[in-house]
Amino acid sequence: MSHKIENARENLLRSGSEALISGGYDNLNIKALAARCGMATGTFYQYFHSKDDLVMQIVYESCKVIPENIRSISRNDWGLHRKLEYVYEQFRAYQKTYLRMKIGVLRLSEDYEKLRAKVMAEINAAVEDLLKDEIRRGNLELKASAETAAYLLTHFLFSIGRDADPDFKEIWTCMNFKE
């Protein structure tokens, strides 16, 4: 007789994330993961199509907190430098956790692209709100729209953090913002 496993999807995501972080993509084993969660391997496939689908969901769950975190500091009195440094730190934390795991081997499914586009749009919107708030406070003047600046800033900070590991002071100097 089969039994209902409480929070099965959440348990798979949590245990899968732990296994992914500790062992990397190549060592994430679906059969072992299902056993650790107290279920048959077939039950795993009721919640995820494949290992790649699980990893995609783990990464998405991790990424979707970034815009929430950015919004949480948007209206405090840190100043633009510290706020943008915080955004950069959010990206670096994500990258240090996931990019070293070779998750680039994921099959870039249409579903993954939709989730990635959704979370990037949410991050852009959070950074745009942050910039608009700094403009309202009189702490920032932009020559471009806040939307364009947020898009460029988000992608710049994300890619520079992925490809190199510069100190934020160097990045700040290059951006030529005034404090």
Foldseek 3Di string as FASTA:
>chain_A
DDDDQPPLLVQLLVLQLVCCQVPFLVRRDQQVSQVVSVHGSVVVCVNAVDSLRSVLVSLLVLLLCLLVVLLVCLPDDPAPLVSLVVSLVSLLVSLVRHVVRCSVVRDCDPVSVVSVVVSLVSQLVSQLSSQVNCVVVVNDDDPDHSSVVSNVSNVVSNVCSNPDPDDSVVVCVVVPGDD
